[in-house]
């Protein structure tokens, strides 16, 4: 069984028929990455960065 050695986060797929929990690597501050659910193929961009102008 493989495991991630680096620090990691977990993402749960939001598709109602899937809901798979999978690990993703922790990224440096300010960076984003696109990942694909290994079960259903849904694409996600993480972490979600809130737009500071949006709150004003």
N, C-alpha and C. Protein backbone atom coordinates (compact mmCIF):
# COMPACT_ATOMS: atom_id res chain seq x y z
N UNK A 1 0.85 -1.19 0.00
CA UNK A 1 0.00 0.00 0.00
C UNK A 1 0.88 1.24 0.00
N UNK A 2 0.60 2.18 -0.87
CA UNK A 2 1.37 3.41 -0.97
C UNK A 2 0.82 4.44 0.01
N UNK A 3 1.70 5.34 0.44
CA UNK A 3 1.25 6.44 1.28
C UNK A 3 2.07 7.66 0.95
N UNK A 4 1.51 8.84 1.21
CA UNK A 4 2.21 10.09 0.96
C UNK A 4 3.17 10.34 2.12
N UNK A 5 4.40 10.69 1.80
CA UNK A 5 5.40 10.96 2.81
C UNK A 5 5.39 12.45 3.16
N UNK A 6 5.06 13.28 2.22
CA UNK A 6 5.04 14.73 2.43
C UNK A 6 3.78 15.13 3.20
N UNK A 7 3.75 16.33 3.77
CA UNK A 7 2.52 16.79 4.44
C UNK A 7 1.37 16.79 3.45
N UNK A 8 0.20 16.41 3.92
CA UNK A 8 -0.93 16.31 2.99
C UNK A 8 -2.22 16.83 3.60
N UNK A 9 -3.16 17.11 2.72
CA UNK A 9 -4.52 17.49 3.08
C UNK A 9 -5.43 16.42 2.51
N UNK A 10 -6.68 16.44 2.89
CA UNK A 10 -7.67 15.54 2.32
C UNK A 10 -8.79 16.36 1.70
N UNK A 11 -9.30 15.89 0.58
CA UNK A 11 -10.42 16.51 -0.12
C UNK A 11 -11.50 15.45 -0.27
N UNK A 12 -12.75 15.83 0.01
CA UNK A 12 -13.86 14.92 -0.24
C UNK A 12 -14.58 15.38 -1.49
N UNK A 13 -14.76 14.46 -2.41
CA UNK A 13 -15.47 14.75 -3.66
C UNK A 13 -16.90 15.16 -3.31
N UNK A 14 -17.41 16.17 -3.97
CA UNK A 14 -18.75 16.68 -3.67
C UNK A 14 -19.84 16.09 -4.56
N UNK A 15 -19.48 15.22 -5.48
CA UNK A 15 -20.48 14.57 -6.33
C UNK A 15 -21.32 13.62 -5.47
N UNK A 16 -22.64 13.73 -5.55
CA UNK A 16 -23.53 12.96 -4.67
C UNK A 16 -23.35 11.45 -4.82
N UNK A 17 -22.99 10.99 -5.98
CA UNK A 17 -22.81 9.56 -6.17
C UNK A 17 -21.41 9.06 -5.84
N UNK A 18 -20.52 9.96 -5.48
CA UNK A 18 -19.12 9.57 -5.26
C UNK A 18 -18.72 9.72 -3.79
N UNK A 19 -18.52 10.97 -3.34
CA UNK A 19 -18.15 11.31 -1.97
C UNK A 19 -16.84 10.66 -1.51
N UNK A 20 -15.91 10.37 -2.44
CA UNK A 20 -14.62 9.77 -2.12
C UNK A 20 -13.73 10.77 -1.40
N UNK A 21 -13.03 10.32 -0.36
CA UNK A 21 -12.06 11.13 0.35
C UNK A 21 -10.69 10.75 -0.18
N UNK A 22 -9.92 11.75 -0.67
CA UNK A 22 -8.59 11.43 -1.20
C UNK A 22 -7.59 12.48 -0.76
N UNK A 23 -6.32 12.07 -0.67
CA UNK A 23 -5.26 12.95 -0.19
C UNK A 23 -4.66 13.77 -1.31
N UNK A 24 -4.28 15.01 -0.96
CA UNK A 24 -3.57 15.89 -1.88
C UNK A 24 -2.41 16.51 -1.12
N UNK A 25 -1.37 16.90 -1.82
CA UNK A 25 -0.19 17.48 -1.19
C UNK A 25 -0.49 18.88 -0.66
N UNK A 26 0.09 19.22 0.48
CA UNK A 26 -0.03 20.57 1.03
C UNK A 26 0.85 21.49 0.19
N UNK A 27 0.30 22.62 -0.23
CA UNK A 27 1.02 23.54 -1.11
C UNK A 27 1.58 24.72 -0.34
N UNK A 28 2.56 25.39 -0.94
CA UNK A 28 3.11 26.60 -0.36
C UNK A 28 2.06 27.70 -0.36
N UNK A 29 2.23 28.68 0.52
CA UNK A 29 1.30 29.80 0.65
C UNK A 29 1.11 30.50 -0.70
N UNK A 30 -0.14 30.74 -1.08
CA UNK A 30 -0.45 31.48 -2.30
C UNK A 30 -0.50 30.65 -3.57
N UNK A 31 -0.21 29.35 -3.50
CA UNK A 31 -0.25 28.51 -4.69
C UNK A 31 -1.53 27.68 -4.71
N UNK A 32 -2.01 27.37 -5.91
CA UNK A 32 -3.16 26.52 -6.10
C UNK A 32 -2.79 25.39 -7.05
N UNK A 33 -3.55 24.30 -6.98
CA UNK A 33 -3.31 23.17 -7.85
C UNK A 33 -4.64 22.55 -8.24
N UNK A 34 -4.73 22.05 -9.45
CA UNK A 34 -5.92 21.33 -9.90
C UNK A 34 -5.70 19.85 -9.67
N UNK A 35 -6.68 19.17 -9.07
CA UNK A 35 -6.61 17.73 -8.84
C UNK A 35 -7.85 17.08 -9.42
N UNK A 36 -7.77 15.76 -9.60
CA UNK A 36 -8.88 14.99 -10.16
C UNK A 36 -9.23 13.88 -9.18
N UNK A 37 -10.52 13.73 -8.90
CA UNK A 37 -10.98 12.65 -8.03
C UNK A 37 -10.59 11.31 -8.67
N UNK A 38 -9.91 10.43 -7.93
CA UNK A 38 -9.48 9.16 -8.51
C UNK A 38 -10.64 8.20 -8.79
N UNK A 39 -11.80 8.47 -8.21
CA UNK A 39 -12.93 7.57 -8.38
C UNK A 39 -13.83 7.96 -9.56
N UNK A 40 -14.21 9.25 -9.63
CA UNK A 40 -15.18 9.65 -10.66
C UNK A 40 -14.60 10.60 -11.72
N UNK A 41 -13.42 11.19 -11.46
CA UNK A 41 -12.80 12.05 -12.45
C UNK A 41 -13.18 13.52 -12.36
N UNK A 42 -13.93 13.92 -11.31
CA UNK A 42 -14.31 15.33 -11.13
C UNK A 42 -13.06 16.16 -10.84
N UNK A 43 -12.98 17.37 -11.44
CA UNK A 43 -11.83 18.25 -11.25
C UNK A 43 -12.09 19.24 -10.12
N UNK A 44 -11.05 19.50 -9.30
CA UNK A 44 -11.13 20.48 -8.21
C UNK A 44 -9.86 21.33 -8.22
N UNK A 45 -9.99 22.60 -7.83
CA UNK A 45 -8.85 23.48 -7.63
C UNK A 45 -8.79 23.74 -6.12
N UNK A 46 -7.64 23.51 -5.53
CA UNK A 46 -7.50 23.72 -4.09
C UNK A 46 -6.21 24.44 -3.82
N UNK A 47 -5.98 25.07 -2.70
CA UNK A 47 -7.07 25.49 -1.82
C UNK A 47 -7.84 26.64 -2.46
N UNK A 48 -9.06 26.82 -2.01
CA UNK A 48 -9.89 27.92 -2.53
C UNK A 48 -9.35 29.22 -1.96
N UNK A 49 -9.03 30.17 -2.83
CA UNK A 49 -8.50 31.46 -2.39
C UNK A 49 -9.63 32.48 -2.47
N UNK A 50 -9.96 33.07 -1.32
CA UNK A 50 -11.00 34.08 -1.31
C UNK A 50 -10.47 35.39 -1.85
N UNK A 51 -11.24 36.03 -2.72
CA UNK A 51 -10.87 37.32 -3.29
C UNK A 51 -11.11 38.40 -2.25
N UNK A 52 -10.06 39.14 -1.86
CA UNK A 52 -10.18 40.17 -0.83
C UNK A 52 -11.10 41.29 -1.27
N UNK A 53 -11.19 41.60 -2.56
CA UNK A 53 -12.06 42.64 -3.08
C UNK A 53 -13.53 42.24 -3.01
N UNK A 54 -13.79 40.94 -2.98
CA UNK A 54 -15.15 40.44 -2.96
C UNK A 54 -15.85 40.75 -1.65
N UNK A 55 -15.11 40.81 -0.54
CA UNK A 55 -15.68 41.04 0.78
C UNK A 55 -15.97 42.51 1.06
N UNK A 56 -15.52 43.42 0.21
CA UNK A 56 -15.69 44.84 0.47
C UNK A 56 -16.92 45.39 -0.21
